[in-house]
Amino acid sequence: MAIAWLAFIIGLSAAKSAGYGSSLWGGIEVFLGGNKQMHFAMACVLSFLAHLAFPASRFRLVTPVLMILVLGCVTDELLQYYLPTRHFNLYDFAASLLGLIAGYCIFHIVSHTKVVVSSSRSL
């Protein structure tokens, strides 16, 4: 699922760079409440799925998966600096970075939460 989600994000970014698919990525952007919210949400889901696929053996503030995801976000934003149809935006990168961290924190909370199921019988 993480790879499929990553492919979806890369496809949206490539379509935007090429000037195609504005109804799709524009609709997602509007649905999520704006550009920064879209960056945050996409990165959050990606981080959660990537950590689900490649969980660390113990809690670490910086995991290899998180570092790879951060490097990918840096690369994506830097490439936009050189594309004539796109532009580098530090706030987009910050929103993506916060999303990556939030996704990892959500993964950590979910993976370390113990679910207790109790059954009570009433007569």
N, C-alpha and C. Protein backbone atom coordinates (compact mmCIF):
# COMPACT_ATOMS: atom_id res chain seq x y z
N MET A 1 0.82 -1.19 0.00
CA MET A 1 0.00 0.00 0.00
C MET A 1 0.87 1.26 0.00
N ALA A 2 2.00 1.20 0.70
CA ALA A 2 2.88 2.36 0.76
C ALA A 2 3.42 2.68 -0.63
N ILE A 3 3.79 1.65 -1.38
CA ILE A 3 4.32 1.87 -2.73
C ILE A 3 3.23 2.42 -3.65
N ALA A 4 2.03 1.91 -3.52
CA ALA A 4 0.92 2.41 -4.34
C ALA A 4 0.64 3.87 -4.01
N TRP A 5 0.65 4.21 -2.73
CA TRP A 5 0.40 5.60 -2.32
C TRP A 5 1.51 6.51 -2.84
N LEU A 6 2.76 6.06 -2.74
CA LEU A 6 3.89 6.83 -3.25
C LEU A 6 3.76 7.04 -4.76
N ALA A 7 3.39 6.00 -5.47
CA ALA A 7 3.19 6.11 -6.93
C ALA A 7 2.09 7.11 -7.25
N PHE A 8 1.02 7.10 -6.45
CA PHE A 8 -0.08 8.05 -6.64
C PHE A 8 0.41 9.48 -6.44
N ILE A 9 1.20 9.72 -5.40
CA ILE A 9 1.73 11.07 -5.13
C ILE A 9 2.67 11.51 -6.24
N ILE A 10 3.56 10.61 -6.66
CA ILE A 10 4.49 10.95 -7.73
C ILE A 10 3.72 11.23 -9.02
N GLY A 11 2.70 10.43 -9.28
CA GLY A 11 1.87 10.66 -10.47
C GLY A 11 1.18 12.02 -10.44
N LEU A 12 0.63 12.39 -9.28
CA LEU A 12 0.00 13.71 -9.16
C LEU A 12 1.01 14.82 -9.37
N SER A 13 2.19 14.69 -8.78
CA SER A 13 3.22 15.71 -8.91
C SER A 13 3.69 15.83 -10.37
N ALA A 14 3.89 14.69 -11.01
CA ALA A 14 4.32 14.70 -12.41
C ALA A 14 3.24 15.30 -13.30
N ALA A 15 1.99 14.96 -13.05
CA ALA A 15 0.89 15.52 -13.84
C ALA A 15 0.82 17.03 -13.66
N LYS A 16 1.00 17.50 -12.43
CA LYS A 16 0.98 18.94 -12.18
C LYS A 16 2.14 19.62 -12.89
N SER A 17 3.31 19.00 -12.86
CA SER A 17 4.49 19.56 -13.55
C SER A 17 4.28 19.63 -15.05
N ALA A 18 3.60 18.63 -15.60
CA ALA A 18 3.35 18.59 -17.04
C ALA A 18 2.14 19.42 -17.46
N GLY A 19 1.38 19.90 -16.48
CA GLY A 19 0.21 20.71 -16.78
C GLY A 19 -1.04 19.89 -17.03
N TYR A 20 -1.06 18.66 -16.58
CA TYR A 20 -2.21 17.79 -16.78
C TYR A 20 -2.87 17.45 -15.44
N GLY A 21 -4.10 17.01 -15.53
CA GLY A 21 -4.79 16.49 -14.35
C GLY A 21 -5.20 17.52 -13.33
N SER A 22 -5.34 18.77 -13.74
CA SER A 22 -5.67 19.81 -12.75
C SER A 22 -7.00 19.54 -12.06
N SER A 23 -7.92 18.87 -12.74
CA SER A 23 -9.20 18.58 -12.09
C SER A 23 -9.01 17.56 -10.97
N LEU A 24 -8.07 16.61 -11.14
CA LEU A 24 -7.84 15.61 -10.11
C LEU A 24 -7.09 16.20 -8.92
N TRP A 25 -5.86 16.72 -9.17
CA TRP A 25 -5.10 17.24 -8.03
C TRP A 25 -5.72 18.52 -7.48
N GLY A 26 -6.37 19.30 -8.34
CA GLY A 26 -7.06 20.49 -7.85
C GLY A 26 -8.24 20.12 -6.98
N GLY A 27 -8.96 19.06 -7.37
CA GLY A 27 -10.10 18.60 -6.57
C GLY A 27 -9.65 18.06 -5.22
N ILE A 28 -8.53 17.34 -5.20
CA ILE A 28 -8.00 16.83 -3.94
C ILE A 28 -7.59 17.99 -3.05
N GLU A 29 -6.95 18.97 -3.65
CA GLU A 29 -6.50 20.15 -2.91
C GLU A 29 -7.69 20.89 -2.28
N VAL A 30 -8.74 21.08 -3.05
CA VAL A 30 -9.94 21.75 -2.54
C VAL A 30 -10.59 20.92 -1.45
N PHE A 31 -10.69 19.60 -1.67
CA PHE A 31 -11.31 18.71 -0.70
C PHE A 31 -10.60 18.77 0.65
N LEU A 32 -9.26 18.83 0.62
CA LEU A 32 -8.48 18.83 1.85
C LEU A 32 -8.33 20.21 2.48
N GLY A 33 -8.80 21.24 1.80
CA GLY A 33 -8.80 22.57 2.39
C GLY A 33 -7.68 23.48 1.94
N GLY A 34 -6.89 23.08 0.97
CA GLY A 34 -5.83 23.94 0.45
C GLY A 34 -4.55 23.18 0.17
N ASN A 35 -3.61 23.90 -0.39
CA ASN A 35 -2.35 23.31 -0.82
C ASN A 35 -1.52 22.77 0.35
N LYS A 36 -1.39 23.56 1.39
CA LYS A 36 -0.57 23.12 2.53
C LYS A 36 -1.20 21.91 3.23
N GLN A 37 -2.52 21.92 3.34
CA GLN A 37 -3.22 20.79 3.95
C GLN A 37 -3.03 19.54 3.10
N MET A 38 -3.02 19.70 1.77
CA MET A 38 -2.80 18.56 0.89
C MET A 38 -1.39 18.00 1.09
N HIS A 39 -0.39 18.87 1.16
CA HIS A 39 0.98 18.41 1.39
C HIS A 39 1.06 17.65 2.71
N PHE A 40 0.46 18.20 3.75
CA PHE A 40 0.48 17.57 5.06
C PHE A 40 -0.20 16.20 5.02
N ALA A 41 -1.41 16.14 4.47
CA ALA A 41 -2.19 14.90 4.46
C ALA A 41 -1.52 13.82 3.63
N MET A 42 -1.04 14.16 2.45
CA MET A 42 -0.39 13.17 1.59
C MET A 42 0.86 12.61 2.27
N ALA A 43 1.66 13.48 2.88
CA ALA A 43 2.88 13.04 3.54
C ALA A 43 2.57 12.23 4.79
N CYS A 44 1.53 12.61 5.52
CA CYS A 44 1.14 11.89 6.73
C CYS A 44 0.73 10.46 6.40
N VAL A 45 -0.10 10.30 5.39
CA VAL A 45 -0.54 8.95 4.99
C VAL A 45 0.65 8.15 4.48
N LEU A 46 1.51 8.77 3.68
CA LEU A 46 2.69 8.08 3.17
C LEU A 46 3.59 7.60 4.31
N SER A 47 3.84 8.46 5.27
CA SER A 47 4.69 8.10 6.39
C SER A 47 4.08 6.96 7.21
N PHE A 48 2.80 7.05 7.48
CA PHE A 48 2.13 5.98 8.24
C PHE A 48 2.24 4.65 7.51
N LEU A 49 1.92 4.64 6.21
CA LEU A 49 1.97 3.39 5.44
C LEU A 49 3.40 2.86 5.31
N ALA A 50 4.36 3.74 5.12
CA ALA A 50 5.75 3.31 4.99
C ALA A 50 6.26 2.70 6.29
N HIS A 51 5.90 3.31 7.41
CA HIS A 51 6.33 2.75 8.69
C HIS A 51 5.58 1.46 9.02
N LEU A 52 4.35 1.36 8.54
CA LEU A 52 3.61 0.12 8.70
C LEU A 52 4.27 -1.01 7.91
N ALA A 53 4.76 -0.68 6.72
CA ALA A 53 5.42 -1.67 5.88
C ALA A 53 6.82 -2.03 6.39
N PHE A 54 7.51 -1.05 6.95
CA PHE A 54 8.88 -1.25 7.43
C PHE A 54 9.01 -0.73 8.86
N PRO A 55 8.40 -1.42 9.82
CA PRO A 55 8.44 -0.92 11.20
C PRO A 55 9.83 -1.06 11.81
N ALA A 56 10.19 -0.09 12.62
CA ALA A 56 11.46 -0.15 13.35
C ALA A 56 11.30 -1.13 14.51
N SER A 57 12.39 -1.74 14.92
CA SER A 57 12.31 -2.71 16.00
C SER A 57 12.01 -2.05 17.34
N ARG A 58 12.40 -0.81 17.49
CA ARG A 58 12.09 -0.09 18.72
C ARG A 58 11.91 1.38 18.38
N PHE A 59 11.35 2.13 19.29
CA PHE A 59 11.10 3.55 19.06
C PHE A 59 12.41 4.31 18.91
N ARG A 60 12.51 5.01 17.83
CA ARG A 60 13.63 5.90 17.57
C ARG A 60 13.05 7.20 17.06
N LEU A 61 13.65 8.31 17.43
CA LEU A 61 13.14 9.59 16.94
C LEU A 61 13.31 9.70 15.43
N VAL A 62 14.42 9.20 14.92
CA VAL A 62 14.67 9.24 13.49
C VAL A 62 14.90 7.82 13.00
N THR A 63 14.01 7.33 12.17
CA THR A 63 14.16 5.99 11.61
C THR A 63 14.71 6.10 10.20
N PRO A 64 15.31 5.03 9.68
CA PRO A 64 15.77 5.07 8.29
C PRO A 64 14.64 5.37 7.30
N VAL A 65 13.45 4.85 7.57
CA VAL A 65 12.31 5.10 6.69
C VAL A 65 11.98 6.59 6.68
N LEU A 66 11.95 7.20 7.86
CA LEU A 66 11.64 8.62 7.95
C LEU A 66 12.69 9.45 7.22
N MET A 67 13.96 9.08 7.35
CA MET A 67 15.02 9.82 6.67
C MET A 67 14.89 9.71 5.15
N ILE A 68 14.54 8.55 4.66
CA ILE A 68 14.34 8.37 3.22
C ILE A 68 13.16 9.22 2.74
N LEU A 69 12.09 9.25 3.51
CA LEU A 69 10.93 10.05 3.14
C LEU A 69 11.25 11.54 3.14
N VAL A 70 12.01 12.00 4.12
CA VAL A 70 12.43 13.40 4.17
C VAL A 70 13.30 13.73 2.96
N LEU A 71 14.22 12.84 2.65
CA LEU A 71 15.07 13.04 1.47
C LEU A 71 14.23 13.13 0.19
N GLY A 72 13.20 12.29 0.10
CA GLY A 72 12.30 12.34 -1.05
C GLY A 72 11.57 13.67 -1.14
N CYS A 73 11.11 14.19 -0.02
CA CYS A 73 10.41 15.49 -0.01
C CYS A 73 11.35 16.63 -0.40
N VAL A 74 12.58 16.58 0.11
CA VAL A 74 13.57 17.59 -0.25
C VAL A 74 13.83 17.54 -1.76
N THR A 75 14.01 16.34 -2.28
CA THR A 75 14.27 16.17 -3.71
C THR A 75 13.11 16.69 -4.54
N ASP A 76 11.88 16.36 -4.15
CA ASP A 76 10.70 16.81 -4.88
C ASP A 76 10.63 18.34 -4.92
N GLU A 77 10.82 18.98 -3.78
CA GLU A 77 10.75 20.45 -3.76
C GLU A 77 11.90 21.08 -4.53
N LEU A 78 13.11 20.51 -4.42
CA LEU A 78 14.24 21.08 -5.15
C LEU A 78 14.07 20.92 -6.66
N LEU A 79 13.51 19.80 -7.10
CA LEU A 79 13.25 19.62 -8.53
C LEU A 79 12.27 20.68 -9.05
N GLN A 80 11.34 21.06 -8.22
CA GLN A 80 10.36 22.06 -8.63
C GLN A 80 11.01 23.42 -8.87
N TYR A 81 12.13 23.67 -8.23
CA TYR A 81 12.87 24.92 -8.44
C TYR A 81 13.35 25.04 -9.89
N TYR A 82 13.67 23.91 -10.50
CA TYR A 82 14.22 23.90 -11.85
C TYR A 82 13.18 23.69 -12.95
N LEU A 83 11.94 23.40 -12.58
CA LEU A 83 10.90 23.19 -13.58
C LEU A 83 10.18 24.51 -13.87
N PRO A 84 10.02 24.83 -15.15
CA PRO A 84 9.39 26.12 -15.48
C PRO A 84 7.92 26.21 -15.07
N THR A 85 7.24 25.09 -14.94
CA THR A 85 5.82 25.11 -14.59
C THR A 85 5.58 25.03 -13.08
N ARG A 86 6.64 24.87 -12.30
CA ARG A 86 6.52 24.73 -10.84
C ARG A 86 7.44 25.72 -10.15
N HIS A 87 7.31 25.83 -8.86
CA HIS A 87 8.20 26.69 -8.09
C HIS A 87 8.46 26.09 -6.71
N PHE A 88 9.65 26.33 -6.21
CA PHE A 88 10.03 25.85 -4.87
C PHE A 88 9.26 26.67 -3.85
N ASN A 89 8.74 25.98 -2.84
CA ASN A 89 8.02 26.66 -1.77
C ASN A 89 8.42 26.03 -0.45
N LEU A 90 9.09 26.81 0.37
CA LEU A 90 9.55 26.32 1.66
C LEU A 90 8.39 25.89 2.56
N TYR A 91 7.25 26.58 2.45
CA TYR A 91 6.09 26.22 3.26
C TYR A 91 5.48 24.88 2.84
N ASP A 92 5.53 24.58 1.54
CA ASP A 92 5.09 23.26 1.08
C ASP A 92 5.98 22.18 1.69
N PHE A 93 7.29 22.43 1.68
CA PHE A 93 8.21 21.46 2.27
C PHE A 93 7.95 21.31 3.77
N ALA A 94 7.73 22.43 4.45
CA ALA A 94 7.46 22.37 5.89
C ALA A 94 6.19 21.59 6.18
N ALA A 95 5.15 21.80 5.37
CA ALA A 95 3.89 21.05 5.56
C ALA A 95 4.12 19.57 5.33
N SER A 96 4.90 19.23 4.31
CA SER A 96 5.20 17.82 4.04
C SER A 96 6.02 17.22 5.18
N LEU A 97 6.99 17.96 5.67
CA LEU A 97 7.83 17.47 6.77
C LEU A 97 6.99 17.23 8.02
N LEU A 98 6.11 18.16 8.34
CA LEU A 98 5.22 17.97 9.49
C LEU A 98 4.31 16.77 9.29
N GLY A 99 3.85 16.56 8.07
CA GLY A 99 3.01 15.41 7.75
C GLY A 99 3.77 14.10 7.94
N LEU A 100 5.04 14.07 7.52
CA LEU A 100 5.85 12.87 7.69
C LEU A 100 6.03 12.55 9.18
N ILE A 101 6.30 13.57 9.95
CA ILE A 101 6.48 13.37 11.40
C ILE A 101 5.17 12.95 12.05
N ALA A 102 4.07 13.58 11.66
CA ALA A 102 2.76 13.22 12.22
C ALA A 102 2.40 11.78 11.88
N GLY A 103 2.66 11.37 10.64
CA GLY A 103 2.38 9.98 10.24
C GLY A 103 3.18 8.99 11.04
N TYR A 104 4.44 9.32 11.30
CA TYR A 104 5.27 8.44 12.12
C TYR A 104 4.74 8.39 13.55
N CYS A 105 4.37 9.54 14.11
CA CYS A 105 3.83 9.57 15.48
C CYS A 105 2.53 8.78 15.58
N ILE A 106 1.66 8.91 14.60
CA ILE A 106 0.42 8.14 14.59
C ILE A 106 0.72 6.64 14.52
N PHE A 107 1.67 6.28 13.65
CA PHE A 107 2.07 4.87 13.57
C PHE A 107 2.58 4.38 14.92
N HIS A 108 3.43 5.17 15.54
CA HIS A 108 4.00 4.77 16.83
C HIS A 108 2.91 4.60 17.89
N ILE A 109 1.97 5.52 17.94
CA ILE A 109 0.88 5.43 18.92
C ILE A 109 0.02 4.20 18.65
N VAL A 110 -0.35 4.01 17.40
CA VAL A 110 -1.22 2.87 17.04
C VAL A 110 -0.51 1.54 17.28
N SER A 111 0.75 1.46 16.93
CA SER A 111 1.46 0.19 17.05
C SER A 111 1.80 -0.16 18.50
N HIS A 112 1.78 0.80 19.38
CA HIS A 112 2.10 0.54 20.78
C HIS A 112 0.89 0.62 21.70
N THR A 113 -0.28 0.74 21.11
CA THR A 113 -1.50 0.76 21.91
C THR A 113 -2.01 -0.67 22.02
N LYS A 114 -2.24 -1.06 23.24
CA LYS A 114 -2.78 -2.39 23.47
C LYS A 114 -4.29 -2.31 23.54
N VAL A 115 -4.92 -3.14 22.79
CA VAL A 115 -6.38 -3.18 22.77
C VAL A 115 -6.82 -4.24 23.77
N VAL A 116 -7.63 -3.83 24.70
CA VAL A 116 -8.14 -4.75 25.70
C VAL A 116 -9.62 -4.98 25.41
N VAL A 117 -9.95 -6.24 25.21
CA VAL A 117 -11.32 -6.58 24.92
C VAL A 117 -11.87 -7.32 26.15
N SER A 118 -12.92 -6.78 26.67
CA SER A 118 -13.51 -7.44 27.82
C SER A 118 -14.90 -7.90 27.44
N SER A 119 -15.25 -9.02 27.98
CA SER A 119 -16.60 -9.50 27.73
C SER A 119 -17.32 -9.56 29.06
N SER A 120 -18.46 -9.00 29.08
CA SER A 120 -19.25 -9.07 30.30
C SER A 120 -20.57 -9.73 29.95
N ARG A 121 -20.92 -10.63 30.76
CA ARG A 121 -22.19 -11.35 30.53
C ARG A 121 -23.17 -10.94 31.61
N SER A 122 -24.28 -10.54 31.15
CA SER A 122 -25.32 -10.20 32.12
C SER A 122 -26.42 -11.23 32.03
N LEU A 123 -26.93 -11.58 33.16
CA LEU A 123 -27.98 -12.59 33.21
C LEU A 123 -29.32 -11.98 33.35
